[in-house]
Amino acid sequence: MKSKALKAAFPYTLPVMMGYLFLGMAFGILLTSKGIAYGWALFMSLFVYAGSMQFVAIELLLVPFAPLSAALVTLMVNARHLFYGLSMLEPFKMMGKLKPYMIFSLSDETYSLECAAKPPEGIDRKFFLFFIALLDQSYWVLGTLAGVLAGNIFPFDSTGIDFAMTALFLVIFLEQWESTSNHIPAAAGLILTVICLVTAGSDNFLLFSMAGILVFLILFRKQCTTEKTL
């Protein structure tokens, strides 16, 4: 049963694999280029696994420790996960002992897959979702390991390498835009984000924009979930 769920989940994770291997490499290379011990890269990918926050954490490791500042930065960068978690309360009820790991492993890309992917007939949904999450993190860890090894063997100019995460978000946005005929949620997200960026500033806009998007989706849920027909 578990092996069938693994085989069924793997094809869905292939796009994430292509992104995470390179993003993990970028993280490993960037961290080693800053002179940080390579063990921290693997530790963070195994036990922190926070995507964009891992890139931000590199800078936090290089400055004097400021707990309050680090906590606020982490909240701002990962505030979107508060909303991810709320929407996964119902699906995760069935996960049993796997629930803690499912909460821990809920990255942006894994969340997207778990919301959209449907297990084939006869496949246990619980293990189908679990293997999606596990495979995604495995790709990130393998990419990190490859980046650490490459960073220690070859000299790299790390300028601009931290843009890799932003590039992945853009690709995911374009993919989702093309896969649906209803662009109301995406357009609303863009407009609300720009408004919050202008009014709250680049340091504070993320939390406000996520809250605004959540309110919009709740108020206009029917319009946002209805596909347009030609």
Protein backbone atom coordinates (compact mmCIF):
# COMPACT_ATOMS: atom_id res chain seq x y z
CA MET A 1 0.00 0.00 0.00
CA LYS A 2 2.76 2.45 0.97
CA SER A 3 4.88 1.58 -2.07
CA LYS A 4 1.89 2.22 -4.35
CA ALA A 5 1.32 5.58 -2.70
CA LEU A 6 5.01 6.46 -3.18
CA LYS A 7 4.89 5.53 -6.87
CA ALA A 8 1.69 7.55 -7.32
CA ALA A 9 3.08 10.62 -5.54
CA PHE A 10 6.45 10.73 -7.31
CA PRO A 11 5.26 12.04 -10.74
CA TYR A 12 3.45 14.93 -9.06
CA THR A 13 6.67 16.02 -7.36
CA LEU A 14 8.85 16.11 -10.48
CA PRO A 15 8.40 19.88 -11.09
CA VAL A 16 9.29 20.54 -7.45
CA MET A 17 12.31 18.25 -7.77
CA MET A 18 13.70 20.31 -10.64
CA GLY A 19 13.24 23.50 -8.64
CA TYR A 20 14.36 22.24 -5.23
CA LEU A 21 17.53 20.55 -6.44
CA PHE A 22 18.77 23.83 -7.90
CA LEU A 23 17.43 25.96 -5.04
CA GLY A 24 19.03 23.65 -2.50
CA MET A 25 22.29 23.90 -4.42
CA ALA A 26 22.00 27.68 -4.42
CA PHE A 27 21.48 27.65 -0.66
CA GLY A 28 24.43 25.32 -0.06
CA ILE A 29 26.73 27.35 -2.30
CA LEU A 30 25.66 30.67 -0.80
CA LEU A 31 26.12 29.46 2.77
CA THR A 32 29.58 28.03 2.17
CA SER A 33 30.61 31.18 0.27
CA LYS A 34 29.94 33.14 3.48
CA GLY A 35 32.40 30.99 5.40
CA ILE A 36 29.75 29.16 7.45
CA ALA A 37 30.48 25.52 8.30
CA TYR A 38 28.80 23.23 5.78
CA GLY A 39 27.18 21.17 8.54
CA TRP A 40 24.82 24.08 9.21
CA ALA A 41 23.44 23.80 5.67
CA LEU A 42 22.41 20.17 6.12
CA PHE A 43 21.14 20.83 9.65
CA MET A 44 18.92 23.68 8.44
CA SER A 45 17.55 21.73 5.47
CA LEU A 46 16.74 18.75 7.68
CA PHE A 47 15.35 20.48 10.76
CA VAL A 48 14.45 24.04 9.70
CA TYR A 49 13.40 23.47 6.08
CA ALA A 50 12.03 26.97 5.59
CA GLY A 51 12.87 27.74 1.97
CA SER A 52 13.26 31.49 1.59
CA MET A 53 13.82 31.87 5.34
CA GLN A 54 16.91 29.70 5.07
CA PHE A 55 18.39 32.23 2.66
CA VAL A 56 17.50 35.04 5.06
CA ALA A 57 18.96 33.06 7.96
CA ILE A 58 22.38 33.15 6.34
CA GLU A 59 22.53 36.89 6.95
CA LEU A 60 21.18 36.45 10.49
CA LEU A 61 24.05 34.05 11.24
CA LEU A 62 26.58 36.67 10.17
CA VAL A 63 25.41 39.51 12.43
CA PRO A 64 25.36 39.83 16.24
CA PHE A 65 22.56 37.70 17.69
CA ALA A 66 19.37 39.69 18.22
CA PRO A 67 16.52 37.33 19.23
CA LEU A 68 13.68 39.84 18.89
CA SER A 69 14.82 41.03 15.48
CA ALA A 70 15.31 37.45 14.28
CA ALA A 71 11.83 36.47 15.50
CA LEU A 72 10.18 39.44 13.77
CA VAL A 73 12.03 38.78 10.51
CA THR A 74 11.03 35.12 10.63
CA LEU A 75 7.40 36.05 11.27
CA MET A 76 7.35 38.50 8.35
CA VAL A 77 9.01 36.11 5.92
CA ASN A 78 6.92 33.07 6.88
CA ALA A 79 3.64 34.75 7.83
CA ARG A 80 1.97 33.16 4.82
CA HIS A 81 2.28 29.76 6.51
CA LEU A 82 -0.27 30.87 9.10
CA PHE A 83 -2.84 30.93 6.32
CA TYR A 84 -1.58 27.69 4.78
CA GLY A 85 -2.07 25.99 8.13
CA LEU A 86 -5.63 27.22 8.53
CA SER A 87 -6.62 25.80 5.16
CA MET A 88 -5.04 22.41 5.95
CA LEU A 89 -6.76 21.84 9.29
CA GLU A 90 -9.37 19.55 7.76
CA PRO A 91 -7.11 17.55 5.37
CA PHE A 92 -4.56 16.88 8.12
CA LYS A 93 -7.13 15.44 10.55
CA MET A 94 -6.70 12.04 8.92
CA MET A 95 -2.89 12.00 9.11
CA GLY A 96 -2.63 10.45 12.59
CA LYS A 97 1.00 10.07 13.76
CA LEU A 98 2.18 11.64 10.50
CA LYS A 99 0.48 14.96 11.31
CA PRO A 100 3.47 16.63 13.06
CA TYR A 101 5.69 15.97 10.06
CA MET A 102 3.02 17.17 7.64
CA ILE A 103 2.80 20.46 9.55
CA PHE A 104 6.59 20.81 9.63
CA SER A 105 7.03 20.03 5.92
CA LEU A 106 4.32 22.37 4.59
CA SER A 107 6.44 24.43 2.20
CA ASP A 108 4.92 26.63 -0.51
CA GLU A 109 5.35 24.05 -3.25
CA THR A 110 4.22 21.12 -1.09
CA TYR A 111 1.15 23.09 -0.05
CA SER A 112 0.33 23.76 -3.70
CA LEU A 113 0.61 20.07 -4.58
CA GLU A 114 -1.36 18.87 -1.58
CA CYS A 115 -4.19 21.24 -2.42
CA ALA A 116 -4.35 20.33 -6.10
CA ALA A 117 -3.12 16.74 -6.48
CA LYS A 118 -5.67 13.95 -6.28
CA PRO A 119 -4.55 10.38 -5.50
CA PRO A 120 -5.39 7.78 -8.17
CA GLU A 121 -8.17 5.36 -7.42
CA GLY A 122 -7.17 2.76 -4.86
CA ILE A 123 -4.33 4.84 -3.38
CA ASP A 124 -4.41 5.75 0.32
CA ARG A 125 -4.75 9.55 0.44
CA LYS A 126 -2.90 9.79 3.77
CA PHE A 127 0.29 8.19 2.48
CA PHE A 128 -0.10 9.88 -0.90
CA LEU A 129 0.12 13.30 0.79
CA PHE A 130 2.87 12.11 3.14
CA PHE A 131 5.11 10.97 0.31
CA ILE A 132 4.58 14.22 -1.58
CA ALA A 133 5.88 16.08 1.47
CA LEU A 134 8.72 13.63 2.12
CA LEU A 135 9.91 13.58 -1.49
CA ASP A 136 9.87 17.38 -1.68
CA GLN A 137 12.06 17.73 1.40
CA SER A 138 14.36 14.99 0.14
CA TYR A 139 14.96 16.99 -3.03
CA TRP A 140 15.81 20.08 -0.98
CA VAL A 141 18.25 18.15 1.24
CA LEU A 142 19.93 16.49 -1.75
CA GLY A 143 20.25 19.85 -3.50
CA THR A 144 21.75 21.37 -0.35
CA LEU A 145 24.27 18.54 -0.10
CA ALA A 146 25.24 18.98 -3.75
CA GLY A 147 25.61 22.74 -3.26
CA VAL A 148 27.79 22.29 -0.18
CA LEU A 149 30.06 19.86 -2.01
CA ALA A 150 30.28 22.08 -5.07
CA GLY A 151 30.90 25.17 -2.94
CA ASN A 152 33.81 23.48 -1.19
CA ILE A 153 35.38 22.17 -4.39
CA PHE A 154 34.83 24.99 -6.88
CA PRO A 155 35.05 28.77 -6.34
CA PHE A 156 31.73 30.52 -7.03
CA ASP A 157 30.68 34.13 -7.41
CA SER A 158 27.50 34.06 -5.31
CA THR A 159 26.23 37.45 -6.52
CA GLY A 160 22.51 37.17 -7.32
CA ILE A 161 22.24 33.50 -6.36
CA ASP A 162 19.75 34.34 -3.61
CA PHE A 163 17.27 35.37 -6.36
CA ALA A 164 16.69 31.67 -7.08
CA MET A 165 13.79 31.43 -4.61
CA THR A 166 12.06 34.46 -6.11
CA ALA A 167 12.46 32.95 -9.56
CA LEU A 168 10.75 29.74 -8.42
CA PHE A 169 7.80 31.68 -7.00
CA LEU A 170 7.41 33.46 -10.34
CA VAL A 171 7.42 30.16 -12.23
CA ILE A 172 4.79 28.68 -9.89
CA PHE A 173 2.62 31.78 -10.31
CA LEU A 174 2.82 31.61 -14.12
CA GLU A 175 2.12 27.87 -14.11
CA GLN A 176 -0.99 28.31 -11.96
CA TRP A 177 -2.12 31.27 -14.10
CA GLU A 178 -1.94 29.12 -17.25
CA SER A 179 -3.60 26.09 -15.64
CA THR A 180 -6.85 27.88 -14.77
CA SER A 181 -9.29 30.10 -16.63
CA ASN A 182 -10.29 31.99 -13.49
CA HIS A 183 -7.63 34.64 -12.81
CA ILE A 184 -9.56 36.55 -10.14
CA PRO A 185 -7.52 35.19 -7.17
CA ALA A 186 -4.18 35.84 -8.87
CA ALA A 187 -5.17 39.33 -10.03
CA ALA A 188 -6.51 40.18 -6.56
CA GLY A 189 -3.28 38.96 -5.00
CA LEU A 190 -1.19 41.14 -7.29
CA ILE A 191 -3.31 44.25 -6.76
CA LEU A 192 -3.53 43.88 -2.98
CA THR A 193 0.20 43.22 -2.72
CA VAL A 194 1.05 46.34 -4.72
CA ILE A 195 -1.32 48.43 -2.59
CA CYS A 196 0.24 47.12 0.63
CA LEU A 197 3.73 47.62 -0.72
CA VAL A 198 2.99 51.26 -1.50
CA THR A 199 1.16 51.99 1.76
CA ALA A 200 3.09 49.85 4.29
CA GLY A 201 6.54 49.84 2.73
CA SER A 202 8.82 47.01 1.66
CA ASP A 203 9.66 46.00 5.24
CA ASN A 204 6.06 45.56 6.40
CA PHE A 205 3.88 44.82 3.39
CA LEU A 206 3.98 41.00 3.47
CA LEU A 207 1.80 40.41 6.54
CA PHE A 208 -0.73 43.04 5.46
CA SER A 209 -0.95 41.70 1.92
CA MET A 210 -1.44 38.10 3.12
CA ALA A 211 -4.20 39.21 5.51
CA GLY A 212 -5.85 41.23 2.74
CA ILE A 213 -5.73 38.29 0.33
CA LEU A 214 -7.24 35.98 2.97
CA VAL A 215 -10.12 38.39 3.62
CA PHE A 216 -10.71 38.77 -0.13
CA LEU A 217 -10.78 35.00 -0.71
CA ILE A 218 -13.24 34.53 2.17
CA LEU A 219 -15.56 37.30 0.97
CA PHE A 220 -15.43 36.27 -2.69
CA ARG A 221 -14.94 32.53 -2.29
CA LYS A 222 -17.57 31.57 -4.85
CA GLN A 223 -16.17 33.85 -7.55
CA CYS A 224 -12.63 32.67 -6.84
CA THR A 225 -13.40 28.94 -7.06
CA THR A 226 -15.62 28.99 -10.15
CA GLU A 227 -13.91 28.17 -13.44
CA LYS A 228 -14.88 30.24 -16.45
CA THR A 229 -16.25 28.43 -19.49
CA LEU A 230 -15.64 29.48 -23.07
